[in-house]
Amino acid sequence: MKKILLVLLAAAMLTPMLATAASSIKLYEAPIDIYDKESLRRGAKNFADHCYSCHAAEFMRFNRIAKDLEMSEDEVREIMIHTFNEKGAPTKIGDVMKVSMTDQYAKDTFGTVVPDLSLTARARGADWVYTYLRSFYVDPDSPTGFNNAVFPDVGMPHVLWSLQGLQEPVYKTVIHGGVEVEEISHMQSIQAGKLSRVEYDMFLADLTNFMVYIAEPVQVERHKLGWKVMLFLVFLFFFAYALKKEYWKDVH
């Protein structure tokens, strides 16, 4: 028992020492508005252009996107559908959002299976997705040449670097458990991208907004239904109260 306690104590003391490059990046608040159809349409294009080559969203169908975002099926085909099914036939408007990349190819290329993004915004949160996409930085020791302050040692390359530009972390020294460690304080730009900082943030806001939408496509309908249910319950309350008074009016 004493040996176990000593091992646990040693591990607790070593943990701060091993975390010399721990991240202290706070999550930015994502400007999400699922009622903004223009933002969602821009986000759909951003997703198709920069994410959909590798990441599937198999819980979503193209014709559902066309319906919810008030787009014609031809618009969705032009913007989003550039893939083929297992038989080599063009993807149909009623198909789910699969990708051609196989799991084995992903393992050979990235060292891991590329995740499906259908529920990422719901599982991680919109703020996490938004901040994650802002937090790639140059790392010569990484196989991809980039690392991420929110998700250290992530296998995903920074596919948006040409838009965002290149940045590097600025570290600060803090004390954890009496041990000095370095944490990322903030990022500084070392090469400008095609978009300005404001434009890139707007680009990510639209992309994150679309990912929030595909994580729960019925949420707008759910919100509308919620108001109807609340109004029904208010009406039911007054009806039940009047009925109660009628039943108990002769009881003393």
Foldseek 3Di string as FASTA:
>chain_A
DVVVVVVVVVVVVCVVVVVQAAAPDDFDDQPADLVPLVLQVLLQLLCQVQPLQQAFQQLDAQVLNCVLSVHDLVVSCVRHFDAADPVRHGDDRGGGSDHPDDQVNCCVQQVGGDYHLLQVCVVVNLRLQLQQLVAWAADCVQPQRIAGNSHGNHSDHNRCCQAAPHKHFDWDWDADPNDIHIYTDDIDHDTGHPHDPVRVSSSSSSNSNNSVCSNPVCVVVVVVVVVVVVVVVVVVVVVVVVVVCVVCVPPD
